Amino acid sequence: MRKRQIIRESDYKKLPKRVTDNYDVTFKVLTKEYFERRATFFYMKGKKYLGDQYSHYDYPKEMLLKLTGIHLWNSRYRDWLIKYNDEGEITIKASLRQPESRIGLAVFRKKE
């Protein structure tokens, strides 16, 4: 069984031991290019409702909040500053004077 969540890279690096003991966790940084591909994929498959979720890739915060089936690791992310950096990666920070952290998709697979 696997679970997917959107998580900051800094939170991923500090996952509690109980999580890493029970799950194999992978992390992939989310990029603008990734969301453009996802929107095109779902539109070509005829799944307009899913394509519409990804089509807001120019507005990363709104897009992340509209995604269904993928939850935020921390619900406070909704209120934080989310934007693209120069490399096209989504970054997040709690306030203006806080450091930025890349945001990505963590996949948790239960260890056997």
N, C-alpha and C. Protein backbone atom coordinates (compact mmCIF):
# COMPACT_ATOMS: atom_id res chain seq x y z
N MET A 1 0.84 -1.18 0.00
CA MET A 1 0.00 0.00 0.00
C MET A 1 0.89 1.25 0.00
N ARG A 2 0.43 2.29 -0.70
CA ARG A 2 1.22 3.51 -0.73
C ARG A 2 0.32 4.71 -0.49
N LYS A 3 0.92 5.72 0.08
CA LYS A 3 0.24 7.00 0.33
C LYS A 3 1.08 8.09 -0.31
N ARG A 4 0.42 9.11 -0.83
CA ARG A 4 1.14 10.24 -1.42
C ARG A 4 0.74 11.51 -0.69
N GLN A 5 1.74 12.32 -0.38
CA GLN A 5 1.48 13.60 0.28
C GLN A 5 2.43 14.66 -0.26
N ILE A 6 1.95 15.89 -0.25
CA ILE A 6 2.78 17.03 -0.64
C ILE A 6 3.47 17.52 0.62
N ILE A 7 4.80 17.64 0.54
CA ILE A 7 5.60 17.93 1.73
C ILE A 7 6.78 18.83 1.37
N ARG A 8 7.19 19.66 2.32
CA ARG A 8 8.40 20.47 2.13
C ARG A 8 9.62 19.56 2.20
N GLU A 9 10.65 19.94 1.46
CA GLU A 9 11.88 19.16 1.51
C GLU A 9 12.47 19.15 2.92
N SER A 10 12.40 20.28 3.60
CA SER A 10 12.94 20.34 4.96
C SER A 10 12.16 19.44 5.92
N ASP A 11 10.85 19.29 5.74
CA ASP A 11 10.06 18.37 6.57
C ASP A 11 10.37 16.92 6.20
N TYR A 12 10.59 16.67 4.92
CA TYR A 12 10.94 15.32 4.47
C TYR A 12 12.25 14.85 5.12
N LYS A 13 13.22 15.76 5.20
CA LYS A 13 14.52 15.40 5.79
C LYS A 13 14.42 15.17 7.29
N LYS A 14 13.34 15.66 7.93
CA LYS A 14 13.18 15.52 9.38
C LYS A 14 12.02 14.59 9.74
N LEU A 15 11.69 13.64 8.87
CA LEU A 15 10.60 12.73 9.17
C LEU A 15 10.88 11.98 10.48
N PRO A 16 9.85 11.79 11.29
CA PRO A 16 10.06 11.06 12.55
C PRO A 16 10.53 9.63 12.32
N LYS A 17 11.27 9.12 13.26
CA LYS A 17 11.82 7.76 13.16
C LYS A 17 10.72 6.72 13.01
N ARG A 18 9.59 6.92 13.67
CA ARG A 18 8.49 5.95 13.58
C ARG A 18 7.96 5.85 12.14
N VAL A 19 8.05 6.96 11.38
CA VAL A 19 7.61 6.94 9.98
C VAL A 19 8.64 6.20 9.12
N THR A 20 9.92 6.54 9.29
CA THR A 20 10.95 5.90 8.47
C THR A 20 11.14 4.42 8.83
N ASP A 21 10.79 4.03 10.04
CA ASP A 21 10.86 2.62 10.42
C ASP A 21 9.76 1.79 9.75
N ASN A 22 8.61 2.41 9.50
CA ASN A 22 7.46 1.68 8.96
C ASN A 22 7.24 1.86 7.46
N TYR A 23 7.87 2.89 6.87
CA TYR A 23 7.63 3.19 5.46
C TYR A 23 8.94 3.44 4.72
N ASP A 24 8.97 3.02 3.45
CA ASP A 24 10.01 3.47 2.53
C ASP A 24 9.45 4.74 1.91
N VAL A 25 10.20 5.83 2.03
CA VAL A 25 9.70 7.13 1.58
C VAL A 25 10.59 7.66 0.47
N THR A 26 9.97 8.06 -0.64
CA THR A 26 10.69 8.72 -1.73
C THR A 26 10.16 10.13 -1.86
N PHE A 27 11.00 11.01 -2.40
CA PHE A 27 10.64 12.43 -2.53
C PHE A 27 11.01 12.90 -3.92
N LYS A 28 10.06 13.57 -4.57
CA LYS A 28 10.30 14.13 -5.90
C LYS A 28 9.87 15.59 -5.88
N VAL A 29 10.78 16.48 -6.22
CA VAL A 29 10.48 17.91 -6.23
C VAL A 29 9.45 18.19 -7.33
N LEU A 30 8.45 19.00 -7.01
CA LEU A 30 7.42 19.36 -7.97
C LEU A 30 7.87 20.56 -8.79
N THR A 31 7.70 20.47 -10.10
CA THR A 31 8.13 21.53 -11.01
C THR A 31 6.96 21.96 -11.90
N LYS A 32 7.12 23.12 -12.49
CA LYS A 32 6.12 23.63 -13.42
C LYS A 32 5.97 22.69 -14.61
N GLU A 33 7.08 22.18 -15.11
CA GLU A 33 7.07 21.25 -16.24
C GLU A 33 6.26 19.99 -15.92
N TYR A 34 6.40 19.47 -14.70
CA TYR A 34 5.67 18.29 -14.28
C TYR A 34 4.16 18.53 -14.37
N PHE A 35 3.71 19.69 -13.88
CA PHE A 35 2.28 19.98 -13.89
C PHE A 35 1.76 20.25 -15.30
N GLU A 36 2.57 20.85 -16.16
CA GLU A 36 2.17 21.03 -17.56
C GLU A 36 1.95 19.68 -18.22
N ARG A 37 2.85 18.73 -17.97
CA ARG A 37 2.72 17.38 -18.54
C ARG A 37 1.48 16.66 -18.01
N ARG A 38 1.22 16.81 -16.71
CA ARG A 38 0.05 16.16 -16.10
C ARG A 38 -1.25 16.70 -16.69
N ALA A 39 -1.33 18.02 -16.88
CA ALA A 39 -2.53 18.61 -17.46
C ALA A 39 -2.76 18.07 -18.86
N THR A 40 -1.72 18.06 -19.67
CA THR A 40 -1.83 17.55 -21.05
C THR A 40 -2.23 16.08 -21.04
N PHE A 41 -1.64 15.28 -20.18
CA PHE A 41 -1.94 13.85 -20.09
C PHE A 41 -3.42 13.62 -19.81
N PHE A 42 -3.96 14.31 -18.80
CA PHE A 42 -5.36 14.08 -18.44
C PHE A 42 -6.32 14.61 -19.50
N TYR A 43 -5.98 15.71 -20.14
CA TYR A 43 -6.84 16.21 -21.22
C TYR A 43 -6.86 15.22 -22.39
N MET A 44 -5.71 14.65 -22.71
CA MET A 44 -5.67 13.69 -23.81
C MET A 44 -6.41 12.40 -23.46
N LYS A 45 -6.44 12.04 -22.19
CA LYS A 45 -7.17 10.86 -21.74
C LYS A 45 -8.67 11.13 -21.65
N GLY A 46 -9.09 12.40 -21.82
CA GLY A 46 -10.49 12.75 -21.74
C GLY A 46 -10.98 12.95 -20.32
N LYS A 47 -10.05 13.10 -19.38
CA LYS A 47 -10.43 13.32 -17.97
C LYS A 47 -10.30 14.81 -17.65
N LYS A 48 -11.26 15.57 -18.15
CA LYS A 48 -11.20 17.03 -18.07
C LYS A 48 -11.14 17.52 -16.62
N TYR A 49 -11.91 16.88 -15.73
CA TYR A 49 -11.93 17.33 -14.34
C TYR A 49 -10.55 17.23 -13.69
N LEU A 50 -9.76 16.22 -14.06
CA LEU A 50 -8.39 16.10 -13.53
C LEU A 50 -7.45 17.06 -14.25
N GLY A 51 -7.61 17.20 -15.56
CA GLY A 51 -6.79 18.14 -16.31
C GLY A 51 -6.96 19.55 -15.82
N ASP A 52 -8.20 19.92 -15.46
CA ASP A 52 -8.47 21.27 -14.95
C ASP A 52 -7.73 21.54 -13.64
N GLN A 53 -7.56 20.52 -12.82
CA GLN A 53 -6.82 20.70 -11.57
C GLN A 53 -5.37 21.10 -11.83
N TYR A 54 -4.77 20.47 -12.83
CA TYR A 54 -3.36 20.73 -13.14
C TYR A 54 -3.16 21.92 -14.06
N SER A 55 -4.22 22.39 -14.69
CA SER A 55 -4.07 23.47 -15.68
C SER A 55 -3.76 24.82 -15.05
N HIS A 56 -3.88 24.94 -13.76
CA HIS A 56 -3.56 26.18 -13.07
C HIS A 56 -2.08 26.24 -12.67
N TYR A 57 -1.22 25.58 -13.44
CA TYR A 57 0.19 25.48 -13.06
C TYR A 57 0.90 26.82 -13.00
N ASP A 58 0.34 27.88 -13.62
CA ASP A 58 0.95 29.21 -13.49
C ASP A 58 0.71 29.80 -12.10
N TYR A 59 -0.23 29.25 -11.35
CA TYR A 59 -0.58 29.71 -10.01
C TYR A 59 -0.43 28.54 -9.05
N PRO A 60 0.79 28.29 -8.60
CA PRO A 60 1.06 27.04 -7.87
C PRO A 60 0.24 26.87 -6.59
N LYS A 61 0.01 27.94 -5.85
CA LYS A 61 -0.73 27.79 -4.60
C LYS A 61 -2.16 27.34 -4.87
N GLU A 62 -2.84 27.99 -5.79
CA GLU A 62 -4.21 27.62 -6.10
C GLU A 62 -4.29 26.20 -6.64
N MET A 63 -3.32 25.84 -7.47
CA MET A 63 -3.32 24.51 -8.05
C MET A 63 -3.14 23.44 -6.96
N LEU A 64 -2.19 23.63 -6.06
CA LEU A 64 -1.94 22.64 -5.02
C LEU A 64 -3.17 22.45 -4.13
N LEU A 65 -3.90 23.53 -3.89
CA LEU A 65 -5.08 23.43 -3.03
C LEU A 65 -6.25 22.75 -3.74
N LYS A 66 -6.24 22.72 -5.07
CA LYS A 66 -7.33 22.11 -5.83
C LYS A 66 -7.11 20.62 -6.10
N LEU A 67 -5.90 20.12 -5.91
CA LEU A 67 -5.63 18.72 -6.21
C LEU A 67 -6.44 17.81 -5.30
N THR A 68 -7.02 16.78 -5.88
CA THR A 68 -7.77 15.81 -5.09
C THR A 68 -6.96 14.52 -4.98
N GLY A 69 -7.10 13.84 -3.88
CA GLY A 69 -6.42 12.57 -3.70
C GLY A 69 -5.00 12.67 -3.19
N ILE A 70 -4.46 13.88 -3.12
CA ILE A 70 -3.11 14.09 -2.59
C ILE A 70 -3.23 15.13 -1.48
N HIS A 71 -2.88 14.75 -0.29
CA HIS A 71 -3.04 15.64 0.86
C HIS A 71 -1.75 16.37 1.19
N LEU A 72 -1.88 17.49 1.89
CA LEU A 72 -0.73 18.24 2.37
C LEU A 72 -0.22 17.59 3.65
N TRP A 73 1.09 17.49 3.79
CA TRP A 73 1.70 16.94 5.00
C TRP A 73 1.31 17.78 6.20
N ASN A 74 1.28 19.09 6.01
CA ASN A 74 0.94 20.02 7.09
C ASN A 74 -0.13 20.97 6.56
N SER A 75 -1.26 21.02 7.21
CA SER A 75 -2.37 21.85 6.72
C SER A 75 -2.03 23.34 6.75
N ARG A 76 -1.01 23.73 7.51
CA ARG A 76 -0.62 25.15 7.54
C ARG A 76 0.00 25.62 6.23
N TYR A 77 0.42 24.68 5.37
CA TYR A 77 0.96 25.05 4.06
C TYR A 77 -0.02 25.93 3.29
N ARG A 78 -1.31 25.77 3.51
CA ARG A 78 -2.33 26.55 2.80
C ARG A 78 -2.15 28.05 2.98
N ASP A 79 -1.62 28.45 4.11
CA ASP A 79 -1.49 29.87 4.43
C ASP A 79 -0.10 30.42 4.14
N TRP A 80 0.81 29.61 3.67
CA TRP A 80 2.18 30.04 3.45
C TRP A 80 2.38 30.57 2.04
N LEU A 81 3.52 31.17 1.79
CA LEU A 81 3.85 31.73 0.48
C LEU A 81 4.39 30.63 -0.43
N ILE A 82 3.74 30.43 -1.56
CA ILE A 82 4.12 29.38 -2.50
C ILE A 82 4.37 30.03 -3.85
N LYS A 83 5.53 29.71 -4.45
CA LYS A 83 5.86 30.29 -5.76
C LYS A 83 6.87 29.37 -6.46
N TYR A 84 7.19 29.73 -7.71
CA TYR A 84 8.23 29.01 -8.45
C TYR A 84 9.56 29.73 -8.26
N ASN A 85 10.64 28.97 -8.16
CA ASN A 85 11.97 29.58 -8.15
C ASN A 85 12.48 29.67 -9.59
N ASP A 86 13.72 30.12 -9.78
CA ASP A 86 14.28 30.32 -11.12
C ASP A 86 14.42 29.02 -11.91
N GLU A 87 14.51 27.87 -11.22
CA GLU A 87 14.63 26.58 -11.89
C GLU A 87 13.27 25.97 -12.22
N GLY A 88 12.18 26.66 -11.89
CA GLY A 88 10.84 26.14 -12.15
C GLY A 88 10.33 25.20 -11.08
N GLU A 89 11.01 25.13 -9.94
CA GLU A 89 10.58 24.28 -8.84
C GLU A 89 9.66 25.07 -7.92
N ILE A 90 8.69 24.39 -7.33
CA ILE A 90 7.80 25.07 -6.38
C ILE A 90 8.51 25.19 -5.05
N THR A 91 8.49 26.40 -4.50
CA THR A 91 9.08 26.63 -3.19
C THR A 91 8.00 27.17 -2.26
N ILE A 92 8.23 27.01 -0.97
CA ILE A 92 7.28 27.44 0.04
C ILE A 92 8.05 28.03 1.21
N LYS A 93 7.45 29.05 1.84
CA LYS A 93 8.03 29.57 3.07
C LYS A 93 6.92 30.11 3.94
N ALA A 94 7.15 30.09 5.26
CA ALA A 94 6.11 30.45 6.22
C ALA A 94 5.83 31.95 6.23
N SER A 95 6.85 32.77 6.04
CA SER A 95 6.67 34.22 6.01
C SER A 95 7.84 34.85 5.26
N LEU A 96 7.80 36.13 5.11
CA LEU A 96 8.81 36.82 4.31
C LEU A 96 10.23 36.61 4.79
N ARG A 97 10.44 36.57 6.08
CA ARG A 97 11.80 36.48 6.61
C ARG A 97 12.25 35.04 6.92
N GLN A 98 11.48 34.07 6.46
CA GLN A 98 11.81 32.67 6.67
C GLN A 98 12.50 32.11 5.43
N PRO A 99 13.32 31.09 5.58
CA PRO A 99 13.98 30.49 4.40
C PRO A 99 12.98 29.72 3.54
N GLU A 100 13.28 29.67 2.25
CA GLU A 100 12.45 28.90 1.32
C GLU A 100 12.85 27.44 1.37
N SER A 101 11.90 26.59 1.11
CA SER A 101 12.16 25.16 0.99
C SER A 101 11.41 24.66 -0.24
N ARG A 102 12.04 23.76 -0.99
CA ARG A 102 11.34 23.20 -2.14
C ARG A 102 10.21 22.31 -1.64
N ILE A 103 9.19 22.19 -2.45
CA ILE A 103 8.06 21.35 -2.08
C ILE A 103 7.97 20.22 -3.08
N GLY A 104 7.57 19.04 -2.60
CA GLY A 104 7.56 17.90 -3.49
C GLY A 104 6.51 16.88 -3.10
N LEU A 105 6.54 15.80 -3.84
CA LEU A 105 5.61 14.70 -3.62
C LEU A 105 6.35 13.58 -2.90
N ALA A 106 5.88 13.24 -1.72
CA ALA A 106 6.45 12.13 -0.97
C ALA A 106 5.55 10.92 -1.14
N VAL A 107 6.15 9.79 -1.45
CA VAL A 107 5.40 8.55 -1.60
C VAL A 107 5.84 7.63 -0.47
N PHE A 108 4.87 7.21 0.34
CA PHE A 108 5.11 6.35 1.49
C PHE A 108 4.64 4.95 1.13
N ARG A 109 5.58 3.99 1.13
CA ARG A 109 5.25 2.60 0.86
C ARG A 109 5.52 1.79 2.15
N LYS A 110 4.51 1.07 2.58
CA LYS A 110 4.62 0.28 3.80
C LYS A 110 5.70 -0.78 3.65
N LYS A 111 6.59 -0.85 4.65
CA LYS A 111 7.63 -1.89 4.63
C LYS A 111 7.02 -3.23 4.97
N GLU A 112 7.53 -4.24 4.34
CA GLU A 112 7.02 -5.63 4.57
C GLU A 112 7.58 -6.19 5.83
